[in-house]
């Protein structure tokens, strides 16, 4: 198999929110094993997490929580049209196509390279 590297592009808000979620799943709980049963998947998860941790200055700022809340609100607004849109677990059918495009990288996710 080819070991050619893949570049992922995220906005700074996407990277910040993902970094926080990964930290919560990986280090604040034992959820990673419950979510990702195949340990081979852990390798890219740890790589992504480490890259985010060394790239994002926000994770060391004293107003971390406020910045994280603001980033989440902007992402929800971008995804659903308002900051009070449904959470990922309560998406309605109309939001699913746009969310699927974002997950597949076809909705114009441009931003930070990790």
C-alpha atoms as a PDB file:
ATOM      1  CA  UNK A   1       0.000   0.000   0.000  1.00  0.00           C
ATOM      2  CA  UNK A   2       1.171   3.507  -0.785  1.00  0.00           C
ATOM      3  CA  UNK A   3       2.269   5.582   2.239  1.00  0.00           C
ATOM      4  CA  UNK A   4       1.476   8.875   0.529  1.00  0.00           C
ATOM      5  CA  UNK A   5       0.316  11.429   3.100  1.00  0.00           C
ATOM      6  CA  UNK A   6      -3.179  12.905   3.010  1.00  0.00           C
ATOM      7  CA  UNK A   7      -3.837  16.518   3.910  1.00  0.00           C
ATOM      8  CA  UNK A   8      -7.019  17.412   5.786  1.00  0.00           C
ATOM      9  CA  UNK A   9      -8.293  20.963   5.750  1.00  0.00           C
ATOM     10  CA  UNK A  10     -10.402  22.337   8.577  1.00  0.00           C
ATOM     11  CA  UNK A  11     -11.416  25.812   9.556  1.00  0.00           C
ATOM     12  CA  UNK A  12      -9.866  27.004  12.797  1.00  0.00           C
ATOM     13  CA  UNK A  13     -13.264  26.643  14.506  1.00  0.00           C
ATOM     14  CA  UNK A  14     -13.636  23.078  13.215  1.00  0.00           C
ATOM     15  CA  UNK A  15     -10.138  22.194  14.394  1.00  0.00           C
ATOM     16  CA  UNK A  16     -10.724  23.747  17.830  1.00  0.00           C
ATOM     17  CA  UNK A  17     -14.048  21.986  18.418  1.00  0.00           C
ATOM     18  CA  UNK A  18     -12.682  18.660  17.136  1.00  0.00           C
ATOM     19  CA  UNK A  19      -9.623  19.004  19.357  1.00  0.00           C
ATOM     20  CA  UNK A  20     -11.795  19.551  22.418  1.00  0.00           C
ATOM     21  CA  UNK A  21     -14.027  16.578  21.543  1.00  0.00           C
ATOM     22  CA  UNK A  22     -11.040  14.309  20.980  1.00  0.00           C
ATOM     23  CA  UNK A  23      -9.554  15.389  24.295  1.00  0.00           C
ATOM     24  CA  UNK A  24     -12.832  14.644  26.076  1.00  0.00           C
ATOM     25  CA  UNK A  25     -13.161  11.205  24.462  1.00  0.00           C
ATOM     26  CA  UNK A  26      -9.517  10.203  24.742  1.00  0.00           C
ATOM     27  CA  UNK A  27      -8.333  11.649  28.039  1.00  0.00           C
ATOM     28  CA  UNK A  28     -11.298  12.659  30.175  1.00  0.00           C
ATOM     29  CA  UNK A  29     -13.155   9.363  29.847  1.00  0.00           C
ATOM     30  CA  UNK A  30     -12.713   5.840  28.635  1.00  0.00           C
ATOM     31  CA  UNK A  31     -15.100   6.429  25.716  1.00  0.00           C
ATOM     32  CA  UNK A  32     -12.581   5.901  22.902  1.00  0.00           C
ATOM     33  CA  UNK A  33     -12.625   2.138  23.289  1.00  0.00           C
ATOM     34  CA  UNK A  34     -16.436   2.140  23.320  1.00  0.00           C
ATOM     35  CA  UNK A  35     -16.682   4.388  20.267  1.00  0.00           C
ATOM     36  CA  UNK A  36     -13.799   2.950  18.247  1.00  0.00           C
ATOM     37  CA  UNK A  37     -13.475  -0.768  18.773  1.00  0.00           C
ATOM     38  CA  UNK A  38     -10.849  -1.360  16.070  1.00  0.00           C
ATOM     39  CA  UNK A  39      -7.557  -0.250  17.595  1.00  0.00           C
ATOM     40  CA  UNK A  40      -6.054   0.257  14.125  1.00  0.00           C
ATOM     41  CA  UNK A  41      -8.262   3.354  13.882  1.00  0.00           C
ATOM     42  CA  UNK A  42      -6.645   4.745  17.016  1.00  0.00           C
ATOM     43  CA  UNK A  43      -3.422   5.483  15.117  1.00  0.00           C
ATOM     44  CA  UNK A  44      -4.949   8.175  12.877  1.00  0.00           C
ATOM     45  CA  UNK A  45      -7.044   9.475  15.786  1.00  0.00           C
ATOM     46  CA  UNK A  46      -3.916  10.009  17.886  1.00  0.00           C
ATOM     47  CA  UNK A  47      -2.137  11.602  14.922  1.00  0.00           C
ATOM     48  CA  UNK A  48      -4.992  14.036  14.309  1.00  0.00           C
ATOM     49  CA  UNK A  49      -5.268  14.843  18.015  1.00  0.00           C
ATOM     50  CA  UNK A  50      -1.531  15.449  18.351  1.00  0.00           C
ATOM     51  CA  UNK A  51      -1.449  17.653  15.280  1.00  0.00           C
ATOM     52  CA  UNK A  52      -4.346  19.737  16.563  1.00  0.00           C
ATOM     53  CA  UNK A  53      -2.749  20.056  20.000  1.00  0.00           C
ATOM     54  CA  UNK A  54       0.499  21.375  18.526  1.00  0.00           C
ATOM     55  CA  UNK A  55      -1.254  23.698  16.066  1.00  0.00           C
ATOM     56  CA  UNK A  56      -3.957  25.398  18.118  1.00  0.00           C
ATOM     57  CA  UNK A  57      -2.889  28.191  20.455  1.00  0.00           C
ATOM     58  CA  UNK A  58      -6.488  28.462  21.726  1.00  0.00           C
ATOM     59  CA  UNK A  59      -6.078  25.373  23.895  1.00  0.00           C
ATOM     60  CA  UNK A  60      -3.629  27.283  26.124  1.00  0.00           C
ATOM     61  CA  UNK A  61      -5.607  30.510  26.468  1.00  0.00           C
ATOM     62  CA  UNK A  62      -7.253  31.447  29.771  1.00  0.00           C
ATOM     63  CA  UNK A  63     -10.602  32.100  28.046  1.00  0.00           C
ATOM     64  CA  UNK A  64     -10.651  28.595  26.519  1.00  0.00           C
ATOM     65  CA  UNK A  65     -14.272  27.847  27.462  1.00  0.00           C
ATOM     66  CA  UNK A  66     -15.598  31.103  26.035  1.00  0.00           C
ATOM     67  CA  UNK A  67     -13.640  30.651  22.806  1.00  0.00           C
ATOM     68  CA  UNK A  68     -14.860  27.055  22.497  1.00  0.00           C
ATOM     69  CA  UNK A  69     -18.493  28.090  23.036  1.00  0.00           C
ATOM     70  CA  UNK A  70     -18.146  30.820  20.398  1.00  0.00           C
ATOM     71  CA  UNK A  71     -16.555  28.408  17.903  1.00  0.00           C
ATOM     72  CA  UNK A  72     -19.348  25.878  18.479  1.00  0.00           C
ATOM     73  CA  UNK A  73     -21.989  28.569  17.981  1.00  0.00           C
ATOM     74  CA  UNK A  74     -20.392  29.678  14.691  1.00  0.00           C
ATOM     75  CA  UNK A  75     -20.207  26.102  13.425  1.00  0.00           C
ATOM     76  CA  UNK A  76     -23.840  25.442  14.345  1.00  0.00           C
ATOM     77  CA  UNK A  77     -24.834  28.661  12.619  1.00  0.00           C
ATOM     78  CA  UNK A  78     -22.885  27.719   9.491  1.00  0.00           C
ATOM     79  CA  UNK A  79     -24.379  24.241   9.478  1.00  0.00           C
ATOM     80  CA  UNK A  80     -27.986  24.991  10.409  1.00  0.00           C
ATOM     81  CA  UNK A  81     -28.445  28.691   9.678  1.00  0.00           C
ATOM     82  CA  UNK A  82     -28.705  29.752  13.312  1.00  0.00           C
ATOM     83  CA  UNK A  83     -26.832  29.180  16.543  1.00  0.00           C
ATOM     84  CA  UNK A  84     -29.838  27.463  18.119  1.00  0.00           C
ATOM     85  CA  UNK A  85     -30.078  24.719  15.483  1.00  0.00           C
ATOM     86  CA  UNK A  86     -30.414  21.071  16.411  1.00  0.00           C
ATOM     87  CA  UNK A  87     -27.516  19.162  17.834  1.00  0.00           C
ATOM     88  CA  UNK A  88     -25.922  16.342  15.876  1.00  0.00           C
ATOM     89  CA  UNK A  89     -27.990  13.784  17.763  1.00  0.00           C
ATOM     90  CA  UNK A  90     -31.283  15.529  16.961  1.00  0.00           C
ATOM     91  CA  UNK A  91     -30.747  16.490  13.303  1.00  0.00           C
ATOM     92  CA  UNK A  92     -33.863  16.558  11.185  1.00  0.00           C
ATOM     93  CA  UNK A  93     -34.063  14.954   7.761  1.00  0.00           C
ATOM     94  CA  UNK A  94     -33.678  18.301   5.964  1.00  0.00           C
ATOM     95  CA  UNK A  95     -30.259  18.905   7.531  1.00  0.00           C
ATOM     96  CA  UNK A  96     -28.913  15.444   6.718  1.00  0.00           C
ATOM     97  CA  UNK A  97     -27.836  16.106   3.093  1.00  0.00           C
ATOM     98  CA  UNK A  98     -25.788  19.166   4.059  1.00  0.00           C
ATOM     99  CA  UNK A  99     -24.266  17.352   7.029  1.00  0.00           C
ATOM    100  CA  UNK A 100     -23.402  14.389   4.794  1.00  0.00           C
ATOM    101  CA  UNK A 101     -21.678  16.727   2.326  1.00  0.00           C
ATOM    102  CA  UNK A 102     -19.640  18.236   5.129  1.00  0.00           C
ATOM    103  CA  UNK A 103     -18.695  14.796   6.444  1.00  0.00           C
ATOM    104  CA  UNK A 104     -17.620  13.747   2.947  1.00  0.00           C
ATOM    105  CA  UNK A 105     -15.724  17.020   2.369  1.00  0.00           C
ATOM    106  CA  UNK A 106     -17.849  18.174  -0.570  1.00  0.00           C
ATOM    107  CA  UNK A 107     -19.461  21.232   1.015  1.00  0.00           C
ATOM    108  CA  UNK A 108     -16.418  23.456   0.734  1.00  0.00           C
ATOM    109  CA  UNK A 109     -14.591  22.803   3.987  1.00  0.00           C
ATOM    110  CA  UNK A 110     -11.614  25.076   3.623  1.00  0.00           C
ATOM    111  CA  UNK A 111      -9.345  26.220   6.396  1.00  0.00           C
ATOM    112  CA  UNK A 112      -6.557  24.920   8.558  1.00  0.00           C
ATOM    113  CA  UNK A 113      -4.319  22.173   7.245  1.00  0.00           C
ATOM    114  CA  UNK A 114      -3.614  19.429   9.717  1.00  0.00           C
END
